[in-house]
Amino acid sequence: MPSTWEQIVVDAEDPARLARWWAEALGYVIVHEEPDEVEIRRTPDTLPGLLFTPVPDAKTVKNRLHIDLRPDDQEAEVERLVDMGARPVDIGQHDVSWVVLADPEGNEFCVLAGRGGGQ
């Protein structure tokens, strides 16, 4: 029997702050919180979750794994995320249909074109 995908672990300088940022960005809820870890999920019973854990150092290189978001309206979602504290980043993507942003701790993620194929 195959394994169940439980969560992705995200290293963070401030796990509580970053977990709350991602919970707001994704419309998730906090399902577990301790001083050294915070887990968010779409609903308390829905897997997978994102588990934020502390690390003593800042992020210094491009992510090896990242999240892709597909909103209904790419332009509006990019604006909302930037207003929340994300920032545009250039990782060498050139002319593509997605937008690369970084969360408040510098973790890159992509906002894909809207579901209908447009902006």
C-alpha atoms as a PDB file:
ATOM      1  CA  MET A   1       0.000   0.000   0.000  1.00  0.00           C
ATOM      2  CA  PRO A   2       1.429   3.433  -0.917  1.00  0.00           C
ATOM      3  CA  SER A   3       2.155   6.106   1.660  1.00  0.00           C
ATOM      4  CA  THR A   4      -0.141   9.029   2.411  1.00  0.00           C
ATOM      5  CA  TRP A   5       1.227  12.513   1.783  1.00  0.00           C
ATOM      6  CA  GLU A   6       0.998  14.090   5.246  1.00  0.00           C
ATOM      7  CA  GLN A   7       2.729  17.464   4.857  1.00  0.00           C
ATOM      8  CA  ILE A   8       5.544  19.517   3.444  1.00  0.00           C
ATOM      9  CA  VAL A   9       7.970  20.870   6.036  1.00  0.00           C
ATOM     10  CA  VAL A  10       9.002  24.503   5.563  1.00  0.00           C
ATOM     11  CA  ASP A  11      12.120  25.784   7.332  1.00  0.00           C
ATOM     12  CA  ALA A  12      11.468  29.228   8.762  1.00  0.00           C
ATOM     13  CA  GLU A  13      13.211  31.879  10.813  1.00  0.00           C
ATOM     14  CA  ASP A  14       9.834  32.699  12.410  1.00  0.00           C
ATOM     15  CA  PRO A  15       7.528  29.672  11.945  1.00  0.00           C
ATOM     16  CA  ALA A  16       4.441  31.258  13.516  1.00  0.00           C
ATOM     17  CA  ARG A  17       4.664  34.404  11.395  1.00  0.00           C
ATOM     18  CA  LEU A  18       5.324  32.541   8.143  1.00  0.00           C
ATOM     19  CA  ALA A  19       2.606  29.948   8.846  1.00  0.00           C
ATOM     20  CA  ARG A  20       0.081  32.732   9.394  1.00  0.00           C
ATOM     21  CA  TRP A  21       1.162  34.419   6.161  1.00  0.00           C
ATOM     22  CA  TRP A  22       0.706  31.217   4.156  1.00  0.00           C
ATOM     23  CA  ALA A  23      -2.585  30.423   5.924  1.00  0.00           C
ATOM     24  CA  GLU A  24      -3.933  33.798   4.795  1.00  0.00           C
ATOM     25  CA  ALA A  25      -2.490  33.417   1.292  1.00  0.00           C
ATOM     26  CA  LEU A  26      -4.051  29.973   0.807  1.00  0.00           C
ATOM     27  CA  GLY A  27      -7.217  30.350   2.879  1.00  0.00           C
ATOM     28  CA  TYR A  28      -5.937  27.619   5.238  1.00  0.00           C
ATOM     29  CA  VAL A  29      -6.379  27.259   9.000  1.00  0.00           C
ATOM     30  CA  ILE A  30      -3.877  26.585  11.749  1.00  0.00           C
ATOM     31  CA  VAL A  31      -4.423  23.018  12.959  1.00  0.00           C
ATOM     32  CA  HIS A  32      -1.472  22.664  15.335  1.00  0.00           C
ATOM     33  CA  GLU A  33       0.742  25.192  17.055  1.00  0.00           C
ATOM     34  CA  GLU A  34       3.620  24.805  19.486  1.00  0.00           C
ATOM     35  CA  PRO A  35       6.585  27.128  20.088  1.00  0.00           C
ATOM     36  CA  ASP A  36       8.745  25.162  17.630  1.00  0.00           C
ATOM     37  CA  GLU A  37       6.192  24.247  14.922  1.00  0.00           C
ATOM     38  CA  VAL A  38       2.967  25.365  13.307  1.00  0.00           C
ATOM     39  CA  GLU A  39       0.898  23.309  10.869  1.00  0.00           C
ATOM     40  CA  ILE A  40      -1.709  24.685   8.469  1.00  0.00           C
ATOM     41  CA  ARG A  41      -4.210  22.809   6.295  1.00  0.00           C
ATOM     42  CA  ARG A  42      -7.156  23.612   4.041  1.00  0.00           C
ATOM     43  CA  THR A  43      -9.401  22.158   6.787  1.00  0.00           C
ATOM     44  CA  PRO A  44      -8.402  20.375  10.004  1.00  0.00           C
ATOM     45  CA  ASP A  45      -9.097  16.972   8.416  1.00  0.00           C
ATOM     46  CA  THR A  46      -7.672  17.648   4.933  1.00  0.00           C
ATOM     47  CA  LEU A  47      -4.178  16.479   4.016  1.00  0.00           C
ATOM     48  CA  PRO A  48      -1.575  17.453   3.058  1.00  0.00           C
ATOM     49  CA  GLY A  49      -0.564  20.267   5.355  1.00  0.00           C
ATOM     50  CA  LEU A  50       2.332  22.680   5.548  1.00  0.00           C
ATOM     51  CA  LEU A  51       4.427  22.363   8.723  1.00  0.00           C
ATOM     52  CA  PHE A  52       6.622  25.337   9.592  1.00  0.00           C
ATOM     53  CA  THR A  53       9.657  24.606  11.781  1.00  0.00           C
ATOM     54  CA  PRO A  54      12.472  26.851  13.022  1.00  0.00           C
ATOM     55  CA  VAL A  55      15.953  27.114  11.567  1.00  0.00           C
ATOM     56  CA  PRO A  56      18.640  29.453  12.883  1.00  0.00           C
ATOM     57  CA  ASP A  57      19.753  30.876   9.545  1.00  0.00           C
ATOM     58  CA  ALA A  58      18.166  32.837   6.722  1.00  0.00           C
ATOM     59  CA  LYS A  59      17.407  31.331   3.308  1.00  0.00           C
ATOM     60  CA  THR A  60      20.343  31.916   0.952  1.00  0.00           C
ATOM     61  CA  VAL A  61      19.748  29.980  -2.292  1.00  0.00           C
ATOM     62  CA  LYS A  62      16.887  29.235  -4.680  1.00  0.00           C
ATOM     63  CA  ASN A  63      14.319  26.715  -3.406  1.00  0.00           C
ATOM     64  CA  ARG A  64      14.698  23.111  -4.539  1.00  0.00           C
ATOM     65  CA  LEU A  65      10.928  22.669  -4.153  1.00  0.00           C
ATOM     66  CA  HIS A  66       8.281  25.344  -4.526  1.00  0.00           C
ATOM     67  CA  ILE A  67       4.528  25.848  -4.547  1.00  0.00           C
ATOM     68  CA  ASP A  68       2.583  26.719  -7.704  1.00  0.00           C
ATOM     69  CA  LEU A  69      -0.689  28.576  -7.204  1.00  0.00           C
ATOM     70  CA  ARG A  70      -3.394  28.700  -9.890  1.00  0.00           C
ATOM     71  CA  PRO A  71      -5.882  31.485  -9.160  1.00  0.00           C
ATOM     72  CA  ASP A  72      -8.925  32.463 -11.177  1.00  0.00           C
ATOM     73  CA  ASP A  73      -7.333  35.857 -11.862  1.00  0.00           C
ATOM     74  CA  GLN A  74      -3.519  35.929 -11.921  1.00  0.00           C
ATOM     75  CA  GLU A  75      -3.152  39.710 -11.927  1.00  0.00           C
ATOM     76  CA  ALA A  76      -5.520  40.195  -8.968  1.00  0.00           C
ATOM     77  CA  GLU A  77      -3.872  37.382  -7.013  1.00  0.00           C
ATOM     78  CA  VAL A  78      -0.363  38.734  -7.582  1.00  0.00           C
ATOM     79  CA  GLU A  79      -1.543  42.143  -6.389  1.00  0.00           C
ATOM     80  CA  ARG A  80      -3.171  40.611  -3.283  1.00  0.00           C
ATOM     81  CA  LEU A  81      -0.067  38.594  -2.397  1.00  0.00           C
ATOM     82  CA  VAL A  82       2.258  41.564  -2.912  1.00  0.00           C
ATOM     83  CA  ASP A  83      -0.041  43.665  -0.708  1.00  0.00           C
ATOM     84  CA  MET A  84       0.353  40.925   1.946  1.00  0.00           C
ATOM     85  CA  GLY A  85       4.146  41.144   1.797  1.00  0.00           C
ATOM     86  CA  ALA A  86       5.261  38.936  -1.099  1.00  0.00           C
ATOM     87  CA  ARG A  87       7.736  40.409  -3.555  1.00  0.00           C
ATOM     88  CA  PRO A  88       8.472  39.729  -7.227  1.00  0.00           C
ATOM     89  CA  VAL A  89      11.722  37.868  -7.863  1.00  0.00           C
ATOM     90  CA  ASP A  90      13.757  37.046 -10.934  1.00  0.00           C
ATOM     91  CA  ILE A  91      15.143  33.515 -10.942  1.00  0.00           C
ATOM     92  CA  GLY A  92      15.953  33.639 -14.643  1.00  0.00           C
ATOM     93  CA  GLN A  93      12.415  32.805 -15.797  1.00  0.00           C
ATOM     94  CA  HIS A  94      12.507  35.311 -18.711  1.00  0.00           C
ATOM     95  CA  ASP A  95       9.242  35.682 -20.684  1.00  0.00           C
ATOM     96  CA  VAL A  96       6.800  33.158 -19.174  1.00  0.00           C
ATOM     97  CA  SER A  97       3.089  33.020 -18.384  1.00  0.00           C
ATOM     98  CA  TRP A  98       3.607  32.723 -14.620  1.00  0.00           C
ATOM     99  CA  VAL A  99       4.796  35.221 -12.025  1.00  0.00           C
ATOM    100  CA  VAL A 100       7.514  34.292  -9.535  1.00  0.00           C
ATOM    101  CA  LEU A 101       7.104  35.782  -6.076  1.00  0.00           C
ATOM    102  CA  ALA A 102       8.862  35.265  -2.754  1.00  0.00           C
ATOM    103  CA  ASP A 103       7.112  35.018   0.605  1.00  0.00           C
ATOM    104  CA  PRO A 104       8.223  37.230   3.521  1.00  0.00           C
ATOM    105  CA  GLU A 105      11.192  34.913   4.246  1.00  0.00           C
ATOM    106  CA  GLY A 106      12.300  34.725   0.603  1.00  0.00           C
ATOM    107  CA  ASN A 107      10.825  31.335  -0.396  1.00  0.00           C
ATOM    108  CA  GLU A 108       9.966  31.435  -4.094  1.00  0.00           C
ATOM    109  CA  PHE A 109       6.581  30.346  -5.413  1.00  0.00           C
ATOM    110  CA  CYS A 110       4.768  30.773  -8.724  1.00  0.00           C
ATOM    111  CA  VAL A 111       1.404  32.282  -9.542  1.00  0.00           C
ATOM    112  CA  LEU A 112       0.235  30.596 -12.719  1.00  0.00           C
ATOM    113  CA  ALA A 113      -2.097  32.029 -15.354  1.00  0.00           C
ATOM    114  CA  GLY A 114      -5.786  32.002 -14.497  1.00  0.00           C
ATOM    115  CA  ARG A 115      -7.794  28.793 -14.799  1.00  0.00           C
ATOM    116  CA  GLY A 116      -9.350  29.949 -18.048  1.00  0.00           C
ATOM    117  CA  GLY A 117      -5.878  30.386 -19.544  1.00  0.00           C
ATOM    118  CA  GLY A 118      -5.989  34.148 -19.303  1.00  0.00           C
ATOM    119  CA  GLN A 119      -4.858  36.700 -16.804  1.00  0.00           C
END
